[in-house]
Amino acid sequence: MAAPMSFAAARAEMERRYGILANHVPELIDMRFGRRRAIQLSLADEEYREHRPALLDFCRRAGFELRSRKSRGARKMLLLREGKKRAFDVGNEEQMGRRFGYPTCCARNFLSLAQDPFINEQDRRLVAIEALPFELNPYLRTSPFHLFKHFPCRPDCAASLRTARRLLALVRAHQPRLAHDIERFNRWPALVTGVCGLGFVFDGELLGERLRYREAVSSGEAESLLPLSRQNHPEDAAVFSRLAALLSSCDEVALDEQGLSGWRRGQPVGRVRRPAHLTWRWLRFA
């Protein structure tokens, strides 16, 4: 599978497909992510007639609007601006859940990109699937910009997993390369803790119940999420904090029925015992 396009290659592809817009790729990206409200285009009448079909096609695909302004002599003044399909803030987990169709029990269970060291995030905005063509997104140079981790409320939540599979099938039908990157991302293992939908995502390889990893990322802050659930015990926040501390100190862990043990460079670091009321297990999402 080919790597995502560089910015230079993306601009060349844009020029091939949409001609006159190739010089405006940076402005288009700024507009998509909320840093610019519109782009003004000035075209000669002949240019306008030549490029109008491509401009309208681009607006249809990207969710933009093309509005005419007062002409100046033989030139057409056009305004390219955001349409009704707007980006939304990844900080609003509940809005994300509703937008993607997740059930109420799982609507808030998202890993914030701002806390994810695996992704070179340059903006707090998440674009809809219908946004700029995949090849034009410069944030994809290292890893897919929009990818975030969603944790079901429990490992066997059928409605949540069914929604995730449906969304992935939709992406695969329209953007096979993007679907490949999503599947690759979701092969990273996660540790489900049973604490209010919280867990950990690992950049590493899972062999049986033993995991070697480079980084571990928490899916949220236990202190802020635990009050939202009446099902959790008072000590769960402390248990989650101990897990986070252990994982930050290790590069290898093993899960058994009693708890999680950790090592660093082959030397034992510590262990966190699993409370009897919690179920810990490894989970893959793809």
Protein backbone atom coordinates (compact mmCIF):
# COMPACT_ATOMS: atom_id res chain seq x y z
CA MET A 1 0.00 0.00 0.00
CA ALA A 2 1.45 3.34 -1.04
CA ALA A 3 2.23 5.95 1.58
CA PRO A 4 0.03 9.07 1.75
CA MET A 5 0.92 11.81 -0.72
CA SER A 6 3.36 14.52 0.20
CA PHE A 7 2.03 18.07 0.10
CA ALA A 8 3.81 18.67 -3.24
CA ALA A 9 2.25 15.54 -4.74
CA ALA A 10 -1.15 16.53 -3.38
CA ARG A 11 -0.90 19.92 -5.04
CA ALA A 12 0.06 18.28 -8.35
CA GLU A 13 -2.96 15.98 -8.07
CA MET A 14 -5.14 18.97 -7.28
CA GLU A 15 -3.84 20.76 -10.37
CA ARG A 16 -4.59 17.73 -12.54
CA ARG A 17 -8.13 17.37 -11.23
CA TYR A 18 -9.21 20.96 -10.57
CA GLY A 19 -6.81 23.19 -12.47
CA ILE A 20 -7.35 26.75 -11.27
CA LEU A 21 -7.69 25.73 -7.60
CA ALA A 22 -4.19 24.22 -7.39
CA ASN A 23 -2.72 27.54 -6.25
CA HIS A 24 -5.24 27.77 -3.41
CA VAL A 25 -4.61 24.45 -1.62
CA PRO A 26 -3.21 26.12 1.55
CA GLU A 27 -6.18 28.50 1.71
CA LEU A 28 -8.64 25.63 1.15
CA ILE A 29 -7.13 23.69 4.02
CA ASP A 30 -7.19 26.75 6.26
CA MET A 31 -10.84 27.27 5.40
CA ARG A 32 -11.71 23.65 6.09
CA PHE A 33 -10.17 23.81 9.55
CA GLY A 34 -11.76 27.11 10.52
CA ARG A 35 -8.82 29.48 10.07
CA ARG A 36 -10.34 31.20 7.03
CA ARG A 37 -13.97 31.97 6.19
CA ALA A 38 -13.81 32.21 2.39
CA ILE A 39 -11.57 32.48 -0.68
CA GLN A 40 -12.06 35.10 -3.38
CA LEU A 41 -11.35 34.04 -6.97
CA SER A 42 -10.93 36.40 -9.91
CA LEU A 43 -11.31 34.73 -13.33
CA ALA A 44 -11.50 36.04 -16.86
CA ASP A 45 -14.75 35.18 -18.62
CA GLU A 46 -13.00 32.53 -20.72
CA GLU A 47 -11.36 31.02 -17.63
CA TYR A 48 -14.68 30.99 -15.84
CA ARG A 49 -16.41 29.11 -18.64
CA GLU A 50 -13.53 26.63 -18.83
CA HIS A 51 -13.20 25.94 -15.11
CA ARG A 52 -16.81 26.30 -13.92
CA PRO A 53 -17.63 22.54 -14.21
CA ALA A 54 -14.53 21.61 -12.20
CA LEU A 55 -15.26 24.27 -9.58
CA LEU A 56 -18.83 23.04 -9.13
CA ASP A 57 -17.64 19.43 -8.95
CA PHE A 58 -15.11 20.35 -6.27
CA CYS A 59 -17.73 22.24 -4.25
CA ARG A 60 -20.10 19.27 -4.45
CA ARG A 61 -17.44 16.84 -3.24
CA ALA A 62 -15.96 19.08 -0.55
CA GLY A 63 -19.15 20.64 0.81
CA PHE A 64 -18.25 24.18 -0.29
CA GLU A 65 -20.44 26.83 -1.94
CA LEU A 66 -19.52 28.93 -4.97
CA ARG A 67 -21.12 32.39 -5.01
CA SER A 68 -20.82 35.07 -7.70
CA ARG A 69 -19.93 38.62 -6.73
CA LYS A 70 -19.97 41.83 -8.76
CA SER A 71 -17.94 41.44 -11.94
CA ARG A 72 -15.16 43.87 -12.75
CA GLY A 73 -14.99 44.44 -16.46
CA ALA A 74 -14.32 41.16 -18.25
CA ARG A 75 -13.48 39.30 -15.04
CA LYS A 76 -15.75 37.24 -12.81
CA MET A 77 -15.43 37.68 -9.05
CA LEU A 78 -16.29 34.47 -7.18
CA LEU A 79 -16.48 33.63 -3.50
CA LEU A 80 -15.70 30.08 -2.39
CA ARG A 81 -16.92 29.44 1.14
CA GLU A 82 -17.94 26.70 3.56
CA GLY A 83 -21.27 25.02 2.89
CA LYS A 84 -23.59 23.41 5.40
CA LYS A 85 -21.27 20.47 6.09
CA ARG A 86 -18.97 22.00 8.66
CA ALA A 87 -16.16 20.62 10.72
CA PHE A 88 -16.77 20.03 14.39
CA ASP A 89 -14.63 20.08 17.50
CA VAL A 90 -13.14 16.76 18.61
CA GLY A 91 -13.30 18.07 22.17
CA ASN A 92 -17.08 17.54 22.14
CA GLU A 93 -17.21 13.75 22.45
CA GLU A 94 -21.00 13.59 22.72
CA GLN A 95 -21.39 15.58 19.50
CA MET A 96 -18.97 13.23 17.78
CA GLY A 97 -20.88 10.20 18.99
CA ARG A 98 -24.20 11.53 17.73
CA ARG A 99 -22.69 12.59 14.41
CA PHE A 100 -21.32 9.11 13.74
CA GLY A 101 -24.39 7.27 15.03
CA TYR A 102 -22.96 5.61 18.13
CA PRO A 103 -25.45 4.49 20.80
CA THR A 104 -25.96 6.67 23.88
CA CYS A 105 -23.99 4.28 26.08
CA CYS A 106 -20.86 4.84 23.96
CA ALA A 107 -21.36 8.36 22.60
CA ARG A 108 -18.71 9.95 24.84
CA ASN A 109 -16.04 7.22 24.75
CA PHE A 110 -13.42 8.84 22.52
CA LEU A 111 -9.69 9.23 22.90
CA SER A 112 -8.76 12.90 22.51
CA LEU A 113 -6.28 13.49 19.70
CA ALA A 114 -4.68 16.25 21.77
CA GLN A 115 -3.35 13.58 24.15
CA ASP A 116 -2.27 11.14 21.41
CA PRO A 117 1.51 11.06 20.78
CA PHE A 118 1.11 8.75 17.78
CA ILE A 119 -0.52 11.40 15.59
CA ASN A 120 1.07 14.66 14.49
CA GLU A 121 -2.03 16.73 15.16
CA GLN A 122 -1.85 20.31 13.90
CA ASP A 123 -5.46 21.31 14.46
CA ARG A 124 -8.29 20.60 16.92
CA ARG A 125 -10.79 20.17 14.15
CA LEU A 126 -12.10 16.90 12.79
CA VAL A 127 -13.52 16.96 9.27
CA ALA A 128 -16.43 14.87 8.07
CA ILE A 129 -15.86 12.03 5.62
CA GLU A 130 -17.22 14.26 2.84
CA ALA A 131 -14.51 16.89 3.40
CA LEU A 132 -11.48 17.67 1.23
CA PRO A 133 -10.31 14.74 -0.92
CA PHE A 134 -8.09 12.42 1.06
CA GLU A 135 -5.04 13.10 -1.12
CA LEU A 136 -5.18 16.84 -0.38
CA ASN A 137 -4.81 16.62 3.38
CA PRO A 138 -1.20 17.53 4.37
CA TYR A 139 -1.83 16.24 7.88
CA LEU A 140 -1.66 12.71 6.42
CA ARG A 141 2.09 12.86 5.78
CA THR A 142 2.92 10.88 8.92
CA SER A 143 -0.35 9.20 9.86
CA PRO A 144 -4.04 9.76 9.15
CA PHE A 145 -5.15 13.06 10.67
CA HIS A 146 -8.72 12.18 11.52
CA LEU A 147 -8.08 8.85 13.23
CA PHE A 148 -9.22 8.68 16.81
CA LYS A 149 -9.89 5.75 19.08
CA HIS A 150 -13.43 4.96 20.18
CA PHE A 151 -13.92 2.71 23.19
CA PRO A 152 -17.16 0.72 23.47
CA CYS A 153 -18.73 0.90 26.93
CA ARG A 154 -17.96 -2.81 27.16
CA PRO A 155 -16.03 -5.18 24.86
CA ASP A 156 -19.20 -6.90 23.64
CA CYS A 157 -21.38 -3.79 23.04
CA ALA A 158 -23.00 -5.02 19.82
CA ALA A 159 -24.55 -1.67 18.82
CA SER A 160 -21.25 0.21 19.13
CA LEU A 161 -19.17 -2.38 17.28
CA ARG A 162 -21.82 -2.64 14.57
CA THR A 163 -21.69 1.14 14.08
CA ALA A 164 -17.89 1.08 13.86
CA ARG A 165 -17.98 -1.66 11.21
CA ARG A 166 -20.63 0.22 9.22
CA LEU A 167 -18.57 3.42 9.25
CA LEU A 168 -15.45 1.53 8.19
CA ALA A 169 -17.35 -0.10 5.31
CA LEU A 170 -18.52 3.35 4.18
CA VAL A 171 -14.96 4.67 4.18
CA ARG A 172 -13.67 1.55 2.41
CA ALA A 173 -16.23 1.97 -0.39
CA HIS A 174 -15.15 5.56 -1.12
CA GLN A 175 -11.55 5.81 0.14
CA PRO A 176 -9.83 2.37 0.13
CA ARG A 177 -6.45 3.79 1.12
CA LEU A 178 -7.97 5.67 4.04
CA ALA A 179 -9.78 2.49 5.15
CA HIS A 180 -6.45 0.66 5.07
CA ASP A 181 -4.93 3.26 7.40
CA ILE A 182 -7.90 3.04 9.76
CA GLU A 183 -7.59 -0.74 9.93
CA ARG A 184 -3.86 -0.48 10.51
CA PHE A 185 -4.42 2.05 13.30
CA ASN A 186 -7.11 -0.09 14.91
CA ARG A 187 -4.87 -3.12 15.00
CA TRP A 188 -3.07 -1.43 17.84
CA PRO A 189 -4.18 -3.26 20.98
CA ALA A 190 -6.14 -1.63 23.77
CA LEU A 191 -6.56 -2.56 27.42
CA VAL A 192 -10.17 -2.31 28.56
CA THR A 193 -10.33 -1.67 32.31
CA GLY A 194 -14.06 -1.76 33.02
CA VAL A 195 -13.83 1.71 34.56
CA CYS A 196 -16.48 3.97 32.98
CA GLY A 197 -15.43 3.08 29.44
CA LEU A 198 -11.80 4.03 30.16
CA GLY A 199 -8.83 2.16 28.78
CA PHE A 200 -5.37 2.43 27.25
CA VAL A 201 -4.19 2.27 23.63
CA PHE A 202 -0.71 0.91 22.87
CA ASP A 203 1.75 1.43 20.06
CA GLY A 204 3.14 -2.09 20.18
CA GLU A 205 2.64 -5.80 19.50
CA LEU A 206 0.47 -8.17 21.48
CA LEU A 207 1.58 -11.82 21.75
CA GLY A 208 -0.96 -13.79 23.71
CA GLU A 209 -1.43 -11.98 27.03
CA ARG A 210 1.98 -10.27 26.83
CA LEU A 211 2.48 -6.88 25.19
CA ARG A 212 5.65 -5.09 24.12
CA TYR A 213 5.05 -1.42 23.36
CA ARG A 214 6.66 1.96 22.74
CA GLU A 215 3.91 4.26 24.00
CA ALA A 216 0.68 3.92 25.99
CA VAL A 217 -2.14 6.48 25.86
CA SER A 218 -5.03 6.81 28.28
CA SER A 219 -8.51 7.18 26.82
CA GLY A 220 -9.47 9.88 29.31
CA GLU A 221 -9.15 11.29 32.80
CA ALA A 222 -10.66 8.99 35.42
CA GLU A 223 -11.24 11.84 37.88
CA SER A 224 -13.51 13.68 35.43
CA LEU A 225 -15.31 10.68 33.94
CA LEU A 226 -15.98 8.56 37.02
CA PRO A 227 -18.62 10.93 38.49
CA LEU A 228 -20.64 10.37 35.30
CA SER A 229 -21.26 6.73 36.18
CA ARG A 230 -22.98 5.33 39.26
CA GLN A 231 -21.70 1.84 38.49
CA ASN A 232 -18.11 2.53 39.48
CA HIS A 233 -16.62 2.00 42.92
CA PRO A 234 -14.92 4.85 44.80
CA GLU A 235 -11.50 3.17 44.50
CA ASP A 236 -11.69 2.83 40.71
CA ALA A 237 -10.06 6.21 40.06
CA ALA A 238 -7.09 5.22 42.21
CA VAL A 239 -6.78 1.88 40.41
CA PHE A 240 -6.85 3.60 37.04
CA SER A 241 -4.17 6.06 38.19
CA ARG A 242 -1.94 3.20 39.34
CA LEU A 243 -2.35 1.51 35.97
CA ALA A 244 -1.39 4.74 34.18
CA ALA A 245 1.71 5.14 36.36
CA LEU A 246 2.80 1.54 35.76
CA LEU A 247 2.31 1.74 32.00
CA SER A 248 4.27 4.98 31.74
CA SER A 249 7.26 3.28 33.40
CA CYS A 250 7.32 0.05 31.36
CA ASP A 251 7.93 -1.19 27.85
CA GLU A 252 6.39 -4.63 28.39
CA VAL A 253 3.36 -5.84 30.36
CA ALA A 254 1.54 -9.11 30.92
CA LEU A 255 -2.10 -9.60 31.89
CA ASP A 256 -3.32 -12.48 34.03
CA GLU A 257 -6.42 -13.19 36.12
CA GLN A 258 -5.07 -11.32 39.15
CA GLY A 259 -3.76 -8.18 37.48
CA LEU A 260 -1.12 -6.54 35.28
CA SER A 261 2.66 -6.92 35.68
CA GLY A 262 5.21 -4.65 34.03
CA TRP A 263 8.86 -4.77 32.96
CA ARG A 264 11.33 -2.33 31.48
CA ARG A 265 14.31 -3.63 29.53
CA GLY A 266 13.67 -7.05 30.98
CA GLN A 267 13.65 -5.90 34.62
CA PRO A 268 10.46 -6.08 36.71
CA VAL A 269 8.96 -2.67 37.51
CA GLY A 270 5.78 -3.41 39.42
CA ARG A 271 2.31 -4.86 39.43
CA VAL A 272 -1.28 -3.61 39.80
CA ARG A 273 -3.82 -6.02 41.20
CA ARG A 274 -7.22 -6.16 39.55
CA PRO A 275 -10.18 -5.48 41.88
CA ALA A 276 -12.66 -8.35 41.89
CA HIS A 277 -15.49 -6.22 40.49
CA LEU A 278 -13.51 -5.18 37.37
CA THR A 279 -12.80 -7.14 34.20
CA TRP A 280 -9.55 -6.39 32.37
CA ARG A 281 -8.95 -7.70 28.87
CA TRP A 282 -7.11 -6.94 25.66
CA LEU A 283 -9.18 -5.65 22.77
CA ARG A 284 -8.57 -5.08 19.08
CA PHE A 285 -10.94 -2.89 17.07
CA ALA A 286 -10.49 -4.20 13.52
